[in-house]
Amino acid sequence: MKKKSILFVLAIALVLSLQFTPMVKAQQAQPAEKQQFTEATRPEENYLARFHALERVEFLKKSNLDKIYMLKVIITNYKDQGWDKDYQAIYEGYKKGMDYYYKRDIIYAQVELEKNRKDIFELYKKIAEVYKQRTQALLNECATKILDLDLDERSRSNPDRNKVLFKNVARLRIAYGQFDDGQNMMDDHVYDTAVKHFRVAKSYAIQILEDIDPENAKGKYDLDKADNLNRILNQPQQSAK
């Protein structure tokens, strides 16, 4: 009787070992990135989850990349701000998510691209604050220049100077409107759009400064002007291969 019991226990142990061995091997075969998830945090991988993930990933891969392209311009133009490390992490995160995507691992592609989206959000938050301060400084300078022009008695008697005054007052109103839109976008936590509004505001501000004081403004705002057009002022030279 004891012998039969022992054989029964051994048989059960053998069945269990055969059942769990493939699971253990599969877990060991997973990339290190996937092994970091516990049963409490691991994403679902059923058919419905894959269906929803596919739709989300198709959106994220384009949305994230568009924002990364714009970040590349900003990071290159304003190297002194120290944003390059954050940008490189974002670039690698996007690359990792797309690696999963092209290997048809759509669930983990979504996981990585969602993380990438959050990293992009955080960097744009830093950038928007710097752009806001830069735009405010330019607008303050514009307001001072326009005030000086308005108080100059020649602006009343000289039609050309009066025309310059009228034109730039209108520009300043538009610039402040764009600045306010940028601030509203920051309040709504849409930081990449806030940057776009600040760029437009800077464009009008620079037009004012170049129009009122062209000699002093000559070449002074080239970096801002290129950036406002989403262009890199000085493209890095490609090393010869």
Protein backbone atom coordinates (compact mmCIF):
# COMPACT_ATOMS: atom_id res chain seq x y z
CA MET A 1 0.00 0.00 0.00
CA LYS A 2 2.81 2.36 0.90
CA LYS A 3 4.59 1.47 -2.31
CA LYS A 4 1.51 2.41 -4.36
CA SER A 5 1.23 5.73 -2.48
CA ILE A 6 4.85 6.54 -3.16
CA LEU A 7 4.47 5.71 -6.85
CA PHE A 8 1.34 7.88 -7.01
CA VAL A 9 3.16 10.84 -5.45
CA LEU A 10 6.09 10.42 -7.84
CA ALA A 11 3.71 10.29 -10.79
CA ILE A 12 2.04 13.52 -9.71
CA ALA A 13 5.43 15.20 -9.25
CA LEU A 14 6.49 14.08 -12.72
CA VAL A 15 3.32 15.48 -14.31
CA LEU A 16 3.74 18.80 -12.50
CA SER A 17 7.39 19.07 -13.49
CA LEU A 18 6.53 18.43 -17.13
CA GLN A 19 3.77 21.02 -16.95
CA PHE A 20 5.81 23.82 -15.38
CA THR A 21 9.17 23.24 -17.08
CA PRO A 22 8.08 24.84 -20.39
CA MET A 23 6.68 27.82 -18.47
CA VAL A 24 9.96 28.33 -16.64
CA LYS A 25 11.95 27.99 -19.86
CA ALA A 26 9.64 30.45 -21.60
CA GLN A 27 10.09 32.92 -18.79
CA GLN A 28 13.86 32.53 -18.90
CA ALA A 29 13.79 33.03 -22.67
CA GLN A 30 12.04 36.39 -22.33
CA PRO A 31 14.10 39.55 -22.80
CA ALA A 32 15.29 41.25 -19.62
CA GLU A 33 12.83 44.10 -20.26
CA LYS A 34 9.89 41.71 -20.01
CA GLN A 35 11.23 39.93 -16.93
CA GLN A 36 10.97 43.16 -14.94
CA PHE A 37 7.17 42.77 -14.90
CA THR A 38 5.48 40.86 -12.10
CA GLU A 39 2.15 39.09 -12.33
CA ALA A 40 0.61 42.24 -10.88
CA THR A 41 2.10 44.55 -13.53
CA ARG A 42 2.50 42.37 -16.63
CA PRO A 43 0.23 43.60 -19.46
CA GLU A 44 -2.53 41.36 -20.77
CA GLU A 45 -1.71 39.54 -23.98
CA ASN A 46 -5.08 38.19 -25.06
CA TYR A 47 -6.75 38.80 -28.43
CA LEU A 48 -8.77 41.82 -27.27
CA ALA A 49 -5.70 43.45 -25.71
CA ARG A 50 -3.78 42.96 -28.95
CA PHE A 51 -6.62 44.45 -30.97
CA HIS A 52 -6.73 47.63 -28.87
CA ALA A 53 -2.92 47.80 -28.66
CA LEU A 54 -2.60 47.75 -32.45
CA GLU A 55 -4.85 50.79 -32.82
CA ARG A 56 -3.04 52.66 -30.06
CA VAL A 57 0.43 51.84 -31.39
CA GLU A 58 -0.48 53.06 -34.89
CA PHE A 59 -1.34 56.42 -33.32
CA LEU A 60 1.68 56.58 -30.99
CA LYS A 61 4.31 55.69 -33.56
CA LYS A 62 3.37 58.70 -35.70
CA SER A 63 2.52 61.12 -32.88
CA ASN A 64 5.71 60.41 -30.94
CA LEU A 65 7.89 60.60 -34.04
CA ASP A 66 6.47 63.98 -35.11
CA LYS A 67 7.27 65.37 -31.67
CA ILE A 68 10.74 63.80 -31.71
CA TYR A 69 11.51 65.48 -35.05
CA MET A 70 10.63 68.86 -33.55
CA LEU A 71 12.67 68.06 -30.43
CA LYS A 72 15.70 67.34 -32.62
CA VAL A 73 15.55 70.88 -34.01
CA ILE A 74 15.18 72.43 -30.56
CA ILE A 75 17.93 70.34 -28.95
CA THR A 76 20.36 71.12 -31.77
CA ASN A 77 19.63 74.86 -31.78
CA TYR A 78 19.82 75.27 -28.00
CA LYS A 79 22.67 72.97 -27.01
CA ASP A 80 23.47 75.15 -24.01
CA GLN A 81 20.22 74.17 -22.27
CA GLY A 82 21.46 70.65 -21.47
CA TRP A 83 18.50 68.81 -22.97
CA ASP A 84 20.56 66.41 -25.08
CA LYS A 85 20.66 63.61 -22.49
CA ASP A 86 16.86 63.62 -22.18
CA TYR A 87 16.52 63.67 -25.96
CA GLN A 88 18.85 60.70 -26.43
CA ALA A 89 16.85 58.68 -23.88
CA ILE A 90 13.65 59.55 -25.75
CA TYR A 91 15.17 58.56 -29.09
CA GLU A 92 16.33 55.21 -27.72
CA GLY A 93 12.95 54.62 -26.08
CA TYR A 94 11.14 55.20 -29.38
CA LYS A 95 13.60 52.91 -31.15
CA LYS A 96 12.97 50.18 -28.56
CA GLY A 97 9.20 50.44 -28.95
CA MET A 98 9.44 50.26 -32.74
CA ASP A 99 11.74 47.25 -32.45
CA TYR A 100 8.91 45.43 -30.67
CA TYR A 101 6.47 46.72 -33.30
CA TYR A 102 8.41 45.36 -36.26
CA LYS A 103 8.88 42.05 -34.45
CA ARG A 104 5.05 41.94 -34.15
CA ASP A 105 5.15 42.08 -30.34
CA ILE A 106 2.38 44.67 -30.31
CA ILE A 107 1.61 44.54 -26.57
CA TYR A 108 5.13 45.47 -25.51
CA ALA A 109 5.41 47.95 -28.37
CA GLN A 110 2.49 49.77 -26.76
CA VAL A 111 4.12 49.59 -23.32
CA GLU A 112 7.35 51.16 -24.59
CA LEU A 113 5.68 53.78 -26.78
CA GLU A 114 3.40 54.87 -23.94
CA LYS A 115 6.47 55.31 -21.74
CA ASN A 116 8.12 57.18 -24.61
CA ARG A 117 5.10 59.49 -24.85
CA LYS A 118 5.43 60.37 -21.16
CA ASP A 119 9.16 61.08 -21.51
CA ILE A 120 8.44 63.35 -24.48
CA PHE A 121 5.79 65.14 -22.42
CA GLU A 122 8.24 65.79 -19.57
CA LEU A 123 10.92 67.20 -21.87
CA TYR A 124 8.47 69.50 -23.66
CA LYS A 125 7.36 70.72 -20.24
CA LYS A 126 10.92 71.91 -19.52
CA ILE A 127 11.29 73.40 -22.99
CA ALA A 128 7.98 75.27 -22.87
CA GLU A 129 9.02 77.08 -19.68
CA VAL A 130 12.28 78.25 -21.28
CA TYR A 131 10.47 79.36 -24.44
CA LYS A 132 7.95 81.24 -22.34
CA GLN A 133 10.69 83.18 -20.57
CA ARG A 134 12.51 83.94 -23.82
CA THR A 135 9.30 85.11 -25.49
CA GLN A 136 8.37 87.29 -22.53
CA ALA A 137 11.79 88.94 -22.62
CA LEU A 138 11.43 89.71 -26.34
CA LEU A 139 7.93 91.10 -25.86
CA ASN A 140 9.11 93.33 -23.03
CA GLU A 141 11.84 94.67 -25.30
CA CYS A 142 9.26 95.29 -28.03
CA ALA A 143 6.97 97.14 -25.65
CA THR A 144 9.85 99.42 -24.59
CA LYS A 145 10.83 100.16 -28.20
CA ILE A 146 7.23 100.91 -29.18
CA LEU A 147 6.76 103.16 -26.15
CA ASP A 148 9.88 105.12 -27.08
CA LEU A 149 8.58 105.43 -30.64
CA ASP A 150 5.15 106.53 -29.44
CA LEU A 151 6.61 109.24 -27.16
CA ASP A 152 8.84 110.56 -29.92
CA GLU A 153 7.15 113.71 -31.24
CA ARG A 154 8.46 112.93 -34.73
CA SER A 155 6.03 110.00 -34.85
CA ARG A 156 3.20 112.53 -34.89
CA SER A 157 4.60 114.76 -37.64
CA ASN A 158 6.34 112.17 -39.82
CA PRO A 159 3.89 109.92 -41.72
CA ASP A 160 6.52 107.19 -42.23
CA ARG A 161 7.35 106.98 -38.53
CA ASN A 162 3.65 107.03 -37.70
CA LYS A 163 3.10 104.14 -40.09
CA VAL A 164 5.91 102.16 -38.43
CA LEU A 165 4.33 102.83 -35.03
CA PHE A 166 0.85 101.75 -36.13
CA LYS A 167 2.12 98.59 -37.87
CA ASN A 168 4.19 97.43 -34.90
CA VAL A 169 1.48 98.12 -32.34
CA ALA A 170 -0.69 95.73 -34.36
CA ARG A 171 2.13 93.17 -34.44
CA LEU A 172 2.61 93.45 -30.69
CA ARG A 173 -1.08 92.70 -30.10
CA ILE A 174 -0.84 89.58 -32.24
CA ALA A 175 2.36 88.53 -30.48
CA TYR A 176 0.76 88.89 -27.05
CA GLY A 177 -2.27 86.94 -28.29
CA GLN A 178 0.02 84.07 -29.31
CA PHE A 179 1.87 84.33 -26.00
CA ASP A 180 -1.44 84.04 -24.13
CA ASP A 181 -2.39 81.02 -26.26
CA GLY A 182 0.93 79.44 -25.34
CA GLN A 183 0.27 80.06 -21.66
CA ASN A 184 -3.20 78.54 -22.01
CA MET A 185 -1.68 75.44 -23.61
CA MET A 186 0.75 75.16 -20.70
CA ASP A 187 -2.17 75.40 -18.27
CA ASP A 188 -3.82 72.56 -20.23
CA HIS A 189 -0.54 70.57 -20.15
CA VAL A 190 -0.21 70.56 -23.95
CA TYR A 191 3.41 71.66 -23.90
CA ASP A 192 4.44 70.91 -27.48
CA THR A 193 1.60 73.10 -28.77
CA ALA A 194 2.59 75.80 -26.27
CA VAL A 195 6.07 75.84 -27.82
CA LYS A 196 4.53 76.37 -31.27
CA HIS A 197 2.55 79.39 -30.02
CA PHE A 198 5.64 80.86 -28.36
CA ARG A 199 7.51 80.45 -31.64
CA VAL A 200 4.85 82.46 -33.47
CA ALA A 201 4.93 85.12 -30.76
CA LYS A 202 8.72 85.33 -31.07
CA SER A 203 8.44 85.69 -34.83
CA TYR A 204 6.24 88.78 -34.47
CA ALA A 205 8.46 90.17 -31.72
CA ILE A 206 11.57 89.86 -33.88
CA GLN A 207 9.79 91.54 -36.81
CA ILE A 208 9.04 94.47 -34.50
CA LEU A 209 12.62 94.75 -33.26
CA GLU A 210 14.08 94.47 -36.76
CA ASP A 211 11.65 97.08 -38.07
CA ILE A 212 12.14 99.67 -35.33
CA ASP A 213 15.89 99.21 -34.79
CA PRO A 214 17.28 97.37 -37.83
CA GLU A 215 20.92 98.28 -37.19
CA ASN A 216 20.99 96.85 -33.68
CA ALA A 217 18.87 93.81 -34.62
CA LYS A 218 20.96 92.76 -37.61
CA GLY A 219 21.97 89.10 -37.21
CA LYS A 220 21.06 89.19 -33.51
CA TYR A 221 18.03 86.91 -33.77
CA ASP A 222 19.13 84.44 -36.46
CA LEU A 223 18.97 81.47 -34.09
CA ASP A 224 15.46 82.32 -32.95
CA LYS A 225 14.34 82.98 -36.53
CA ALA A 226 15.58 79.59 -37.73
CA ASP A 227 14.03 77.83 -34.75
CA ASN A 228 10.71 79.61 -35.24
CA LEU A 229 10.60 78.01 -38.71
CA ASN A 230 11.49 74.63 -37.17
CA ARG A 231 14.90 74.72 -38.83
CA ILE A 232 18.37 74.03 -37.48
CA LEU A 233 20.55 77.15 -37.82
CA ASN A 234 23.88 75.34 -38.05
CA GLN A 235 23.49 71.78 -39.26
CA PRO A 236 26.12 69.46 -37.73
CA GLN A 237 28.59 68.33 -40.38
CA GLN A 238 28.40 64.64 -41.22
CA SER A 239 31.73 62.93 -40.69
CA ALA A 240 33.24 61.44 -43.84
CA LYS A 241 33.14 57.68 -44.06
